Amino acid sequence: MELYEHMGGAPAVRKLVEAFYPKVQAHPLLAPLFPEDIYPVMEKQELFLTQFFGGPPRYTMQHGHPMMRARHLAFPITPERADAWLACMGAALEETIADAELRQVLWERLKNTAYFFINRESD
């Protein structure tokens, strides 16, 4: 079974995104990287996570190949920011995914991706 289905499909992804972004907006290392109007970012993240976790390729259908590392090169992503992003995502996963084993699988996939985006040395 795909992760997407196991985690609860579209409603679960939406819930995760909605739990995640308030944490990002409140984080001193992450908030400056995001626009004040966070909703377009949330929509793209929902599309991406849907596809990333094995659901329909909604991101690709609307925006083309994700090329996520290239899309993030304009933003200074340091190891500290990757850790901060993961802390926010970890807290959102805790809030939204009851199954601890599933939460760990999702976490591992996200952890690998977050560290792949690092494009700057520490501040």
PDB file of N, CA and C in Angstrom:
ATOM      1  N   MET A   1       0.848  -1.193   0.000  1.00  0.00           N
ATOM      2  CA  MET A   1       0.000   0.000   0.000  1.00  0.00           C
ATOM      3  C   MET A   1       0.885   1.244   0.000  1.00  0.00           C
ATOM      4  N   GLU A   2       0.517   2.193  -0.816  1.00  0.00           N
ATOM      5  CA  GLU A   2       1.268   3.445  -0.880  1.00  0.00           C
ATOM      6  C   GLU A   2       1.142   4.208   0.444  1.00  0.00           C
ATOM      7  N   LEU A   3       2.169   4.956   0.766  1.00  0.00           N
ATOM      8  CA  LEU A   3       2.132   5.779   1.977  1.00  0.00           C
ATOM      9  C   LEU A   3       0.927   6.714   1.967  1.00  0.00           C
ATOM     10  N   TYR A   4       0.675   7.293   0.813  1.00  0.00           N
ATOM     11  CA  TYR A   4      -0.432   8.239   0.666  1.00  0.00           C
ATOM     12  C   TYR A   4      -1.744   7.630   1.141  1.00  0.00           C
ATOM     13  N   GLU A   5      -2.047   6.432   0.704  1.00  0.00           N
ATOM     14  CA  GLU A   5      -3.286   5.775   1.103  1.00  0.00           C
ATOM     15  C   GLU A   5      -3.249   5.394   2.574  1.00  0.00           C
ATOM     16  N   HIS A   6      -2.110   4.897   3.018  1.00  0.00           N
ATOM     17  CA  HIS A   6      -1.972   4.443   4.400  1.00  0.00           C
ATOM     18  C   HIS A   6      -2.137   5.607   5.387  1.00  0.00           C
ATOM     19  N   MET A   7      -1.670   6.775   5.007  1.00  0.00           N
ATOM     20  CA  MET A   7      -1.776   7.921   5.912  1.00  0.00           C
ATOM     21  C   MET A   7      -3.147   8.581   5.885  1.00  0.00           C
ATOM     22  N   GLY A   8      -3.986   8.207   4.924  1.00  0.00           N
ATOM     23  CA  GLY A   8      -5.345   8.751   4.879  1.00  0.00           C
ATOM     24  C   GLY A   8      -5.653   9.602   3.672  1.00  0.00           C
ATOM     25  N   GLY A   9      -4.783   9.607   2.658  1.00  0.00           N
ATOM     26  CA  GLY A   9      -5.053  10.309   1.411  1.00  0.00           C
ATOM     27  C   GLY A   9      -5.084  11.823   1.544  1.00  0.00           C
ATOM     28  N   ALA A  10      -5.846  12.440   0.661  1.00  0.00           N
ATOM     29  CA  ALA A  10      -5.882  13.904   0.548  1.00  0.00           C
ATOM     30  C   ALA A  10      -6.209  14.604   1.867  1.00  0.00           C
ATOM     31  N   PRO A  11      -7.197  14.139   2.635  1.00  0.00           N
ATOM     32  CA  PRO A  11      -7.489  14.838   3.904  1.00  0.00           C
ATOM     33  C   PRO A  11      -6.301  14.829   4.873  1.00  0.00           C
ATOM     34  N   ALA A  12      -5.569  13.721   4.906  1.00  0.00           N
ATOM     35  CA  ALA A  12      -4.422  13.630   5.811  1.00  0.00           C
ATOM     36  C   ALA A  12      -3.286  14.545   5.373  1.00  0.00           C
ATOM     37  N   VAL A  13      -3.046  14.611   4.070  1.00  0.00           N
ATOM     38  CA  VAL A  13      -1.994  15.497   3.569  1.00  0.00           C
ATOM     39  C   VAL A  13      -2.367  16.946   3.872  1.00  0.00           C
ATOM     40  N   ARG A  14      -3.612  17.298   3.651  1.00  0.00           N
ATOM     41  CA  ARG A  14      -4.063  18.670   3.930  1.00  0.00           C
ATOM     42  C   ARG A  14      -3.897  19.016   5.404  1.00  0.00           C
ATOM     43  N   LYS A  15      -4.274  18.082   6.254  1.00  0.00           N
ATOM     44  CA  LYS A  15      -4.157  18.294   7.700  1.00  0.00           C
ATOM     45  C   LYS A  15      -2.693  18.483   8.098  1.00  0.00           C
ATOM     46  N   LEU A  16      -1.807  17.691   7.509  1.00  0.00           N
ATOM     47  CA  LEU A  16      -0.376  17.815   7.791  1.00  0.00           C
ATOM     48  C   LEU A  16       0.141  19.191   7.376  1.00  0.00           C
ATOM     49  N   VAL A  17      -0.206  19.623   6.185  1.00  0.00           N
ATOM     50  CA  VAL A  17       0.233  20.932   5.693  1.00  0.00           C
ATOM     51  C   VAL A  17      -0.310  22.051   6.590  1.00  0.00           C
ATOM     52  N   GLU A  18      -1.556  21.941   6.989  1.00  0.00           N
ATOM     53  CA  GLU A  18      -2.159  22.968   7.847  1.00  0.00           C
ATOM     54  C   GLU A  18      -1.537  22.995   9.242  1.00  0.00           C
ATOM     55  N   ALA A  19      -1.049  21.861   9.721  1.00  0.00           N
ATOM     56  CA  ALA A  19      -0.366  21.822  11.015  1.00  0.00           C
ATOM     57  C   ALA A  19       1.072  22.331  10.903  1.00  0.00           C
ATOM     58  N   PHE A  20       1.677  22.117   9.755  1.00  0.00           N
ATOM     59  CA  PHE A  20       3.078  22.451   9.540  1.00  0.00           C
ATOM     60  C   PHE A  20       3.343  23.947   9.378  1.00  0.00           C
ATOM     61  N   TYR A  21       2.592  24.619   8.539  1.00  0.00           N
ATOM     62  CA  TYR A  21       2.952  25.991   8.181  1.00  0.00           C
ATOM     63  C   TYR A  21       2.842  27.019   9.296  1.00  0.00           C
ATOM     64  N   PRO A  22       1.925  26.924  10.237  1.00  0.00           N
ATOM     65  CA  PRO A  22       1.991  27.865  11.362  1.00  0.00           C
ATOM     66  C   PRO A  22       3.300  27.743  12.155  1.00  0.00           C
ATOM     67  N   LYS A  23       3.834  26.538  12.229  1.00  0.00           N
ATOM     68  CA  LYS A  23       5.106  26.329  12.913  1.00  0.00           C
ATOM     69  C   LYS A  23       6.245  26.993  12.136  1.00  0.00           C
ATOM     70  N   VAL A  24       6.216  26.859  10.825  1.00  0.00           N
ATOM     71  CA  VAL A  24       7.223  27.490   9.974  1.00  0.00           C
ATOM     72  C   VAL A  24       7.156  29.011  10.124  1.00  0.00           C
ATOM     73  N   GLN A  25       5.952  29.546  10.088  1.00  0.00           N
ATOM     74  CA  GLN A  25       5.789  30.999  10.186  1.00  0.00           C
ATOM     75  C   GLN A  25       6.250  31.545  11.535  1.00  0.00           C
ATOM     76  N   ALA A  26       6.219  30.712  12.563  1.00  0.00           N
ATOM     77  CA  ALA A  26       6.634  31.139  13.894  1.00  0.00           C
ATOM     78  C   ALA A  26       8.119  30.899  14.154  1.00  0.00           C
ATOM     79  N   HIS A  27       8.789  30.172  13.288  1.00  0.00           N
ATOM     80  CA  HIS A  27      10.185  29.815  13.525  1.00  0.00           C
ATOM     81  C   HIS A  27      11.115  30.930  13.041  1.00  0.00           C
ATOM     82  N   PRO A  28      12.015  31.406  13.895  1.00  0.00           N
ATOM     83  CA  PRO A  28      12.874  32.539  13.511  1.00  0.00           C
ATOM     84  C   PRO A  28      13.827  32.261  12.345  1.00  0.00           C
ATOM     85  N   LEU A  29      14.243  31.026  12.147  1.00  0.00           N
ATOM     86  CA  LEU A  29      15.125  30.718  11.010  1.00  0.00           C
ATOM     87  C   LEU A  29      14.366  30.516   9.706  1.00  0.00           C
ATOM     88  N   LEU A  30      13.108  30.113   9.811  1.00  0.00           N
ATOM     89  CA  LEU A  30      12.343  29.767   8.614  1.00  0.00           C
ATOM     90  C   LEU A  30      11.415  30.875   8.135  1.00  0.00           C
ATOM     91  N   ALA A  31      10.799  31.567   9.047  1.00  0.00           N
ATOM     92  CA  ALA A  31       9.805  32.578   8.667  1.00  0.00           C
ATOM     93  C   ALA A  31      10.323  33.578   7.632  1.00  0.00           C
ATOM     94  N   PRO A  32      11.574  34.058   7.747  1.00  0.00           N
ATOM     95  CA  PRO A  32      12.051  35.041   6.757  1.00  0.00           C
ATOM     96  C   PRO A  32      12.132  34.496   5.328  1.00  0.00           C
ATOM     97  N   LEU A  33      12.139  33.189   5.158  1.00  0.00           N
ATOM     98  CA  LEU A  33      12.242  32.607   3.822  1.00  0.00           C
ATOM     99  C   LEU A  33      10.902  32.519   3.100  1.00  0.00           C
ATOM    100  N   PHE A  34       9.819  32.765   3.820  1.00  0.00           N
ATOM    101  CA  PHE A  34       8.489  32.558   3.267  1.00  0.00           C
ATOM    102  C   PHE A  34       7.751  33.878   3.113  1.00  0.00           C
ATOM    103  N   PRO A  35       6.875  33.954   2.105  1.00  0.00           N
ATOM    104  CA  PRO A  35       6.097  35.180   1.904  1.00  0.00           C
ATOM    105  C   PRO A  35       5.047  35.342   2.999  1.00  0.00           C
ATOM    106  N   GLU A  36       4.596  36.560   3.162  1.00  0.00           N
ATOM    107  CA  GLU A  36       3.548  36.828   4.144  1.00  0.00           C
ATOM    108  C   GLU A  36       2.282  36.042   3.811  1.00  0.00           C
ATOM    109  N   ASP A  37       1.926  36.014   2.537  1.00  0.00           N
ATOM    110  CA  ASP A  37       0.776  35.227   2.099  1.00  0.00           C
ATOM    111  C   ASP A  37       1.247  33.791   1.889  1.00  0.00           C
ATOM    112  N   ILE A  38       1.067  32.976   2.901  1.00  0.00           N
ATOM    113  CA  ILE A  38       1.583  31.614   2.900  1.00  0.00           C
ATOM    114  C   ILE A  38       0.698  30.639   2.136  1.00  0.00           C
ATOM    115  N   TYR A  39      -0.514  31.018   1.807  1.00  0.00           N
ATOM    116  CA  TYR A  39      -1.463  30.070   1.206  1.00  0.00           C
ATOM    117  C   TYR A  39      -1.016  29.499  -0.141  1.00  0.00           C
ATOM    118  N   PRO A  40      -0.450  30.269  -1.047  1.00  0.00           N
ATOM    119  CA  PRO A  40       0.048  29.640  -2.287  1.00  0.00           C
ATOM    120  C   PRO A  40       1.158  28.618  -2.017  1.00  0.00           C
ATOM    121  N   VAL A  41       1.994  28.887  -1.026  1.00  0.00           N
ATOM    122  CA  VAL A  41       3.052  27.946  -0.655  1.00  0.00           C
ATOM    123  C   VAL A  41       2.427  26.669  -0.098  1.00  0.00           C
ATOM    124  N   MET A  42       1.415  26.829   0.719  1.00  0.00           N
ATOM    125  CA  MET A  42       0.732  25.664   1.294  1.00  0.00           C
ATOM    126  C   MET A  42       0.094  24.809   0.205  1.00  0.00           C
ATOM    127  N   GLU A  43      -0.493  25.448  -0.781  1.00  0.00           N
ATOM    128  CA  GLU A  43      -1.130  24.705  -1.867  1.00  0.00           C
ATOM    129  C   GLU A  43      -0.096  23.891  -2.644  1.00  0.00           C
ATOM    130  N   LYS A  44       1.052  24.510  -2.934  1.00  0.00           N
ATOM    131  CA  LYS A  44       2.103  23.778  -3.651  1.00  0.00           C
ATOM    132  C   LYS A  44       2.648  22.636  -2.803  1.00  0.00           C
ATOM    133  N   GLN A  45       2.814  22.885  -1.514  1.00  0.00           N
ATOM    134  CA  GLN A  45       3.314  21.830  -0.634  1.00  0.00           C
ATOM    135  C   GLN A  45       2.338  20.657  -0.581  1.00  0.00           C
ATOM    136  N   GLU A  46       1.066  20.959  -0.538  1.00  0.00           N
ATOM    137  CA  GLU A  46       0.058  19.897  -0.532  1.00  0.00           C
ATOM    138  C   GLU A  46       0.130  19.078  -1.826  1.00  0.00           C
ATOM    139  N   LEU A  47       0.252  19.748  -2.949  1.00  0.00           N
ATOM    140  CA  LEU A  47       0.388  19.037  -4.225  1.00  0.00           C
ATOM    141  C   LEU A  47       1.642  18.174  -4.236  1.00  0.00           C
ATOM    142  N   PHE A  48       2.737  18.753  -3.769  1.00  0.00           N
ATOM    143  CA  PHE A  48       3.999  18.012  -3.775  1.00  0.00           C
ATOM    144  C   PHE A  48       3.944  16.808  -2.846  1.00  0.00           C
ATOM    145  N   LEU A  49       3.492  17.005  -1.606  1.00  0.00           N
ATOM    146  CA  LEU A  49       3.455  15.896  -0.660  1.00  0.00           C
ATOM    147  C   LEU A  49       2.514  14.791  -1.119  1.00  0.00           C
ATOM    148  N   THR A  50       1.431  15.166  -1.764  1.00  0.00           N
ATOM    149  CA  THR A  50       0.524  14.155  -2.321  1.00  0.00           C
ATOM    150  C   THR A  50       1.304  13.237  -3.258  1.00  0.00           C
ATOM    151  N   GLN A  51       2.043  13.818  -4.153  1.00  0.00           N
ATOM    152  CA  GLN A  51       2.832  13.062  -5.122  1.00  0.00           C
ATOM    153  C   GLN A  51       4.003  12.353  -4.442  1.00  0.00           C
ATOM    154  N   PHE A  52       4.686  13.021  -3.547  1.00  0.00           N
ATOM    155  CA  PHE A  52       5.860  12.496  -2.854  1.00  0.00           C
ATOM    156  C   PHE A  52       5.538  11.240  -2.044  1.00  0.00           C
ATOM    157  N   PHE A  53       4.348  11.208  -1.477  1.00  0.00           N
ATOM    158  CA  PHE A  53       3.938  10.062  -0.672  1.00  0.00           C
ATOM    159  C   PHE A  53       3.207   8.989  -1.476  1.00  0.00           C
ATOM    160  N   GLY A  54       3.173   9.134  -2.800  1.00  0.00           N
ATOM    161  CA  GLY A  54       2.637   8.079  -3.655  1.00  0.00           C
ATOM    162  C   GLY A  54       1.222   8.291  -4.145  1.00  0.00           C
ATOM    163  N   GLY A  55       0.691   9.484  -3.935  1.00  0.00           N
ATOM    164  CA  GLY A  55      -0.642   9.788  -4.439  1.00  0.00           C
ATOM    165  C   GLY A  55      -0.580  10.259  -5.882  1.00  0.00           C
ATOM    166  N   PRO A  56      -1.677  10.802  -6.363  1.00  0.00           N
ATOM    167  CA  PRO A  56      -1.719  11.284  -7.751  1.00  0.00           C
ATOM    168  C   PRO A  56      -0.636  12.330  -8.012  1.00  0.00           C
ATOM    169  N   PRO A  57      -0.100  12.384  -9.221  1.00  0.00           N
ATOM    170  CA  PRO A  57       0.981  13.328  -9.542  1.00  0.00           C
ATOM    171  C   PRO A  57       0.449  14.751  -9.752  1.00  0.00           C
ATOM    172  N   ARG A  58      -0.228  15.259  -8.757  1.00  0.00           N
ATOM    173  CA  ARG A  58      -0.872  16.569  -8.882  1.00  0.00           C
ATOM    174  C   ARG A  58       0.122  17.710  -9.068  1.00  0.00           C
ATOM    175  N   TYR A  59       1.263  17.636  -8.408  1.00  0.00           N
ATOM    176  CA  TYR A  59       2.260  18.699  -8.565  1.00  0.00           C
ATOM    177  C   TYR A  59       2.750  18.740 -10.012  1.00  0.00           C
ATOM    178  N   THR A  60       3.139  17.600 -10.523  1.00  0.00           N
ATOM    179  CA  THR A  60       3.655  17.533 -11.887  1.00  0.00           C
ATOM    180  C   THR A  60       2.606  17.972 -12.898  1.00  0.00           C
ATOM    181  N   MET A  61       1.365  17.595 -12.674  1.00  0.00           N
ATOM    182  CA  MET A  61       0.300  17.974 -13.597  1.00  0.00           C
ATOM    183  C   MET A  61       0.120  19.492 -13.661  1.00  0.00           C
ATOM    184  N   GLN A  62       0.321  20.184 -12.541  1.00  0.00           N
ATOM    185  CA  GLN A  62       0.108  21.634 -12.517  1.00  0.00           C
ATOM    186  C   GLN A  62       1.367  22.457 -12.744  1.00  0.00           C
ATOM    187  N   HIS A  63       2.517  21.937 -12.306  1.00  0.00           N
ATOM    188  CA  HIS A  63       3.736  22.751 -12.318  1.00  0.00           C
ATOM    189  C   HIS A  63       4.907  22.120 -13.061  1.00  0.00           C
ATOM    190  N   GLY A  64       4.726  20.956 -13.645  1.00  0.00           N
ATOM    191  CA  GLY A  64       5.826  20.273 -14.298  1.00  0.00           C
ATOM    192  C   GLY A  64       6.634  19.464 -13.297  1.00  0.00           C
ATOM    193  N   HIS A  65       7.743  18.932 -13.762  1.00  0.00           N
ATOM    194  CA  HIS A  65       8.600  18.119 -12.898  1.00  0.00           C
ATOM    195  C   HIS A  65       8.940  18.911 -11.637  1.00  0.00           C
ATOM    196  N   PRO A  66       8.888  18.272 -10.465  1.00  0.00           N
ATOM    197  CA  PRO A  66       9.142  19.018  -9.226  1.00  0.00           C
ATOM    198  C   PRO A  66      10.496  19.730  -9.167  1.00  0.00           C
ATOM    199  N   MET A  67      11.573  19.095  -9.609  1.00  0.00           N
ATOM    200  CA  MET A  67      12.904  19.730  -9.557  1.00  0.00           C
ATOM    201  C   MET A  67      13.078  20.525  -8.259  1.00  0.00           C
ATOM    202  N   MET A  68      12.748  19.904  -7.132  1.00  0.00           N
ATOM    203  CA  MET A  68      12.679  20.636  -5.873  1.00  0.00           C
ATOM    204  C   MET A  68      14.015  21.249  -5.444  1.00  0.00           C
ATOM    205  N   ARG A  69      15.097  20.571  -5.661  1.00  0.00           N
ATOM    206  CA  ARG A  69      16.378  21.164  -5.264  1.00  0.00           C
ATOM    207  C   ARG A  69      16.638  22.432  -6.077  1.00  0.00           C
ATOM    208  N   ALA A  70      16.416  22.380  -7.358  1.00  0.00           N
ATOM    209  CA  ALA A  70      16.618  23.554  -8.209  1.00  0.00           C
ATOM    210  C   ALA A  70      15.675  24.689  -7.817  1.00  0.00           C
ATOM    211  N   ARG A  71      14.446  24.350  -7.484  1.00  0.00           N
ATOM    212  CA  ARG A  71      13.473  25.375  -7.104  1.00  0.00           C
ATOM    213  C   ARG A  71      13.825  26.048  -5.779  1.00  0.00           C
ATOM    214  N   HIS A  72      14.633  25.395  -4.977  1.00  0.00           N
ATOM    215  CA  HIS A  72      14.995  25.953  -3.676  1.00  0.00           C
ATOM    216  C   HIS A  72      16.374  26.623  -3.666  1.00  0.00           C
ATOM    217  N   LEU A  73      17.080  26.605  -4.776  1.00  0.00           N
ATOM    218  CA  LEU A  73      18.428  27.189  -4.801  1.00  0.00           C
ATOM    219  C   LEU A  73      18.453  28.676  -4.484  1.00  0.00           C
ATOM    220  N   ALA A  74      17.395  29.373  -4.761  1.00  0.00           N
ATOM    221  CA  ALA A  74      17.351  30.814  -4.496  1.00  0.00           C
ATOM    222  C   ALA A  74      17.263  31.131  -3.004  1.00  0.00           C
ATOM    223  N   PHE A  75      16.970  30.128  -2.202  1.00  0.00           N
ATOM    224  CA  PHE A  75      16.802  30.333  -0.760  1.00  0.00           C
ATOM    225  C   PHE A  75      18.008  29.767  -0.018  1.00  0.00           C
ATOM    226  N   PRO A  76      18.521  30.503   0.963  1.00  0.00           N
ATOM    227  CA  PRO A  76      19.688  30.012   1.711  1.00  0.00           C
ATOM    228  C   PRO A  76      19.282  28.898   2.679  1.00  0.00           C
ATOM    229  N   ILE A  77      19.487  27.667   2.267  1.00  0.00           N
ATOM    230  CA  ILE A  77      19.118  26.533   3.103  1.00  0.00           C
ATOM    231  C   ILE A  77      20.395  25.959   3.707  1.00  0.00           C
ATOM    232  N   THR A  78      20.539  26.229   4.984  1.00  0.00           N
ATOM    233  CA  THR A  78      21.700  25.781   5.751  1.00  0.00           C
ATOM    234  C   THR A  78      21.325  24.500   6.508  1.00  0.00           C
ATOM    235  N   PRO A  79      22.314  23.818   7.073  1.00  0.00           N
ATOM    236  CA  PRO A  79      21.979  22.664   7.913  1.00  0.00           C
ATOM    237  C   PRO A  79      21.036  23.037   9.058  1.00  0.00           C
ATOM    238  N   GLU A  80      21.226  24.224   9.624  1.00  0.00           N
ATOM    239  CA  GLU A  80      20.349  24.664  10.721  1.00  0.00           C
ATOM    240  C   GLU A  80      18.913  24.864  10.240  1.00  0.00           C
ATOM    241  N   ARG A  81      18.762  25.398   9.039  1.00  0.00           N
ATOM    242  CA  ARG A  81      17.405  25.576   8.505  1.00  0.00           C
ATOM    243  C   ARG A  81      16.780  24.228   8.151  1.00  0.00           C
ATOM    244  N   ALA A  82      17.562  23.296   7.652  1.00  0.00           N
ATOM    245  CA  ALA A  82      17.030  21.955   7.383  1.00  0.00           C
ATOM    246  C   ALA A  82      16.559  21.315   8.695  1.00  0.00           C
ATOM    247  N   ASP A  83      17.360  21.459   9.740  1.00  0.00           N
ATOM    248  CA  ASP A  83      16.969  20.920  11.050  1.00  0.00           C
ATOM    249  C   ASP A  83      15.701  21.596  11.567  1.00  0.00           C
ATOM    250  N   ALA A  84      15.604  22.910  11.377  1.00  0.00           N
ATOM    251  CA  ALA A  84      14.420  23.644  11.827  1.00  0.00           C
ATOM    252  C   ALA A  84      13.183  23.195  11.053  1.00  0.00           C
ATOM    253  N   TRP A  85      13.336  23.028   9.743  1.00  0.00           N
ATOM    254  CA  TRP A  85      12.228  22.551   8.917  1.00  0.00           C
ATOM    255  C   TRP A  85      11.763  21.184   9.403  1.00  0.00           C
ATOM    256  N   LEU A  86      12.721  20.316   9.676  1.00  0.00           N
ATOM    257  CA  LEU A  86      12.391  18.976  10.157  1.00  0.00           C
ATOM    258  C   LEU A  86      11.740  19.012  11.538  1.00  0.00           C
ATOM    259  N   ALA A  87      12.172  19.911  12.396  1.00  0.00           N
ATOM    260  CA  ALA A  87      11.545  20.031  13.717  1.00  0.00           C
ATOM    261  C   ALA A  87      10.079  20.432  13.569  1.00  0.00           C
ATOM    262  N   CYS A  88       9.819  21.381  12.683  1.00  0.00           N
ATOM    263  CA  CYS A  88       8.429  21.800  12.439  1.00  0.00           C
ATOM    264  C   CYS A  88       7.620  20.658  11.835  1.00  0.00           C
ATOM    265  N   MET A  89       8.204  19.951  10.880  1.00  0.00           N
ATOM    266  CA  MET A  89       7.499  18.845  10.250  1.00  0.00           C
ATOM    267  C   MET A  89       7.297  17.699  11.236  1.00  0.00           C
ATOM    268  N   GLY A  90       8.296  17.435  12.058  1.00  0.00           N
ATOM    269  CA  GLY A  90       8.159  16.387  13.065  1.00  0.00           C
ATOM    270  C   GLY A  90       7.012  16.677  14.025  1.00  0.00           C
ATOM    271  N   ALA A  91       6.900  17.920  14.444  1.00  0.00           N
ATOM    272  CA  ALA A  91       5.801  18.301  15.333  1.00  0.00           C
ATOM    273  C   ALA A  91       4.457  18.173  14.624  1.00  0.00           C
ATOM    274  N   ALA A  92       4.409  18.557  13.362  1.00  0.00           N
ATOM    275  CA  ALA A  92       3.164  18.431  12.585  1.00  0.00           C
ATOM    276  C   ALA A  92       2.789  16.961  12.401  1.00  0.00           C
ATOM    277  N   LEU A  93       3.782  16.109  12.146  1.00  0.00           N
ATOM    278  CA  LEU A  93       3.509  14.675  12.028  1.00  0.00           C
ATOM    279  C   LEU A  93       2.963  14.119  13.343  1.00  0.00           C
ATOM    280  N   GLU A  94       3.554  14.522  14.455  1.00  0.00           N
ATOM    281  CA  GLU A  94       3.079  14.079  15.769  1.00  0.00           C
ATOM    282  C   GLU A  94       1.611  14.447  15.979  1.00  0.00           C
ATOM    283  N   GLU A  95       1.245  15.632  15.528  1.00  0.00           N
ATOM    284  CA  GLU A  95      -0.124  16.120  15.706  1.00  0.00           C
ATOM    285  C   GLU A  95      -1.129  15.434  14.782  1.00  0.00           C
ATOM    286  N   THR A  96      -0.677  14.986  13.634  1.00  0.00           N
ATOM    287  CA  THR A  96      -1.642  14.558  12.608  1.00  0.00           C
ATOM    288  C   THR A  96      -1.610  13.081  12.246  1.00  0.00           C
ATOM    289  N   ILE A  97      -0.536  12.381  12.563  1.00  0.00           N
ATOM    290  CA  ILE A  97      -0.421  10.962  12.197  1.00  0.00           C
ATOM    291  C   ILE A  97      -0.339  10.144  13.484  1.00  0.00           C
ATOM    292  N   ALA A  98      -1.400   9.416  13.791  1.00  0.00           N
ATOM    293  CA  ALA A  98      -1.476   8.670  15.047  1.00  0.00           C
ATOM    294  C   ALA A  98      -0.566   7.445  15.061  1.00  0.00           C
ATOM    295  N   ASP A  99      -0.396   6.790  13.948  1.00  0.00           N
ATOM    296  CA  ASP A  99       0.372   5.559  13.851  1.00  0.00           C
ATOM    297  C   ASP A  99       1.874   5.877  13.927  1.00  0.00           C
ATOM    298  N   ALA A 100       2.520   5.485  15.018  1.00  0.00           N
ATOM    299  CA  ALA A 100       3.935   5.810  15.238  1.00  0.00           C
ATOM    300  C   ALA A 100       4.838   5.209  14.178  1.00  0.00           C
ATOM    301  N   GLU A 101       4.553   3.998  13.737  1.00  0.00           N
ATOM    302  CA  GLU A 101       5.386   3.358  12.713  1.00  0.00           C
ATOM    303  C   GLU A 101       5.271   4.114  11.384  1.00  0.00           C
ATOM    304  N   LEU A 102       4.067   4.477  11.005  1.00  0.00           N
ATOM    305  CA  LEU A 102       3.856   5.253   9.785  1.00  0.00           C
ATOM    306  C   LEU A 102       4.528   6.611   9.897  1.00  0.00           C
ATOM    307  N   ARG A 103       4.386   7.237  11.045  1.00  0.00           N
ATOM    308  CA  ARG A 103       5.017   8.542  11.278  1.00  0.00           C
ATOM    309  C   ARG A 103       6.524   8.444  11.056  1.00  0.00           C
ATOM    310  N   GLN A 104       7.145   7.376  11.524  1.00  0.00           N
ATOM    311  CA  GLN A 104       8.588   7.193  11.370  1.00  0.00           C
ATOM    312  C   GLN A 104       8.969   7.003   9.903  1.00  0.00           C
ATOM    313  N   VAL A 105       8.179   6.249   9.170  1.00  0.00           N
ATOM    314  CA  VAL A 105       8.451   6.052   7.741  1.00  0.00           C
ATOM    315  C   VAL A 105       8.358   7.387   6.998  1.00  0.00           C
ATOM    316  N   LEU A 106       7.320   8.151   7.279  1.00  0.00           N
ATOM    317  CA  LEU A 106       7.158   9.470   6.646  1.00  0.00           C
ATOM    318  C   LEU A 106       8.331  10.374   7.020  1.00  0.00           C
ATOM    319  N   TRP A 107       8.699  10.362   8.286  1.00  0.00           N
ATOM    320  CA  TRP A 107       9.812  11.173   8.788  1.00  0.00           C
ATOM    321  C   TRP A 107      11.103  10.851   8.045  1.00  0.00           C
ATOM    322  N   GLU A 108      11.401   9.577   7.865  1.00  0.00           N
ATOM    323  CA  GLU A 108      12.635   9.182   7.179  1.00  0.00           C
ATOM    324  C   GLU A 108      12.658   9.684   5.738  1.00  0.00           C
ATOM    325  N   ARG A 109      11.539   9.592   5.056  1.00  0.00           N
ATOM    326  CA  ARG A 109      11.484  10.107   3.673  1.00  0.00           C
ATOM    327  C   ARG A 109      11.710  11.605   3.651  1.00  0.00           C
ATOM    328  N   LEU A 110      11.081  12.314   4.568  1.00  0.00           N
ATOM    329  CA  LEU A 110      11.207  13.772   4.619  1.00  0.00           C
ATOM    330  C   LEU A 110      12.603  14.193   5.062  1.00  0.00           C
ATOM    331  N   LYS A 111      13.189  13.462   5.981  1.00  0.00           N
ATOM    332  CA  LYS A 111      14.527  13.796   6.483  1.00  0.00           C
ATOM    333  C   LYS A 111      15.541  13.745   5.349  1.00  0.00           C
ATOM    334  N   ASN A 112      15.505  12.702   4.568  1.00  0.00           N
ATOM    335  CA  ASN A 112      16.434  12.587   3.445  1.00  0.00           C
ATOM    336  C   ASN A 112      16.277  13.756   2.478  1.00  0.00           C
ATOM    337  N   THR A 113      15.051  14.135   2.229  1.00  0.00           N
ATOM    338  CA  THR A 113      14.780  15.240   1.307  1.00  0.00           C
ATOM    339  C   THR A 113      15.252  16.567   1.874  1.00  0.00           C
ATOM    340  N   ALA A 114      14.969  16.825   3.139  1.00  0.00           N
ATOM    341  CA  ALA A 114      15.356  18.105   3.751  1.00  0.00           C
ATOM    342  C   ALA A 114      16.862  18.318   3.660  1.00  0.00           C
ATOM    343  N   TYR A 115      17.631  17.296   3.937  1.00  0.00           N
ATOM    344  CA  TYR A 115      19.083  17.447   3.901  1.00  0.00           C
ATOM    345  C   TYR A 115      19.613  17.534   2.473  1.00  0.00           C
ATOM    346  N   PHE A 116      18.884  17.001   1.528  1.00  0.00           N
ATOM    347  CA  PHE A 116      19.265  17.111   0.129  1.00  0.00           C
ATOM    348  C   PHE A 116      19.173  18.562  -0.367  1.00  0.00           C
ATOM    349  N   PHE A 117      18.303  19.368   0.258  1.00  0.00           N
ATOM    350  CA  PHE A 117      18.101  20.759  -0.160  1.00  0.00           C
ATOM    351  C   PHE A 117      19.163  21.721   0.352  1.00  0.00           C
ATOM    352  N   ILE A 118      20.014  21.284   1.259  1.00  0.00           N
ATOM    353  CA  ILE A 118      21.038  22.194   1.814  1.00  0.00           C
ATOM    354  C   ILE A 118      21.909  22.707   0.680  1.00  0.00           C
ATOM    355  N   ASN A 119      22.014  24.044   0.621  1.00  0.00           N
ATOM    356  CA  ASN A 119      22.779  24.677  -0.458  1.00  0.00           C
ATOM    357  C   ASN A 119      23.729  25.772   0.036  1.00  0.00           C
ATOM    358  N   ARG A 120      23.815  25.926   1.346  1.00  0.00           N
ATOM    359  CA  ARG A 120      24.701  26.914   1.943  1.00  0.00           C
ATOM    360  C   ARG A 120      25.316  26.311   3.205  1.00  0.00           C
ATOM    361  N   GLU A 121      26.484  26.815   3.559  1.00  0.00           N
ATOM    362  CA  GLU A 121      27.086  26.388   4.828  1.00  0.00           C
ATOM    363  C   GLU A 121      26.395  27.118   5.962  1.00  0.00           C
ATOM    364  N   SER A 122      26.704  26.730   7.150  1.00  0.00           N
ATOM    365  CA  SER A 122      26.102  27.356   8.340  1.00  0.00           C
ATOM    366  C   SER A 122      26.323  28.862   8.327  1.00  0.00           C
ATOM    367  N   ASP A 123      25.337  29.563   8.906  1.00  0.00           N
ATOM    368  CA  ASP A 123      25.444  31.034   8.989  1.00  0.00           C
ATOM    369  C   ASP A 123      26.563  31.445   9.923  1.00  0.00           C
TER     370      ASP A 123
END
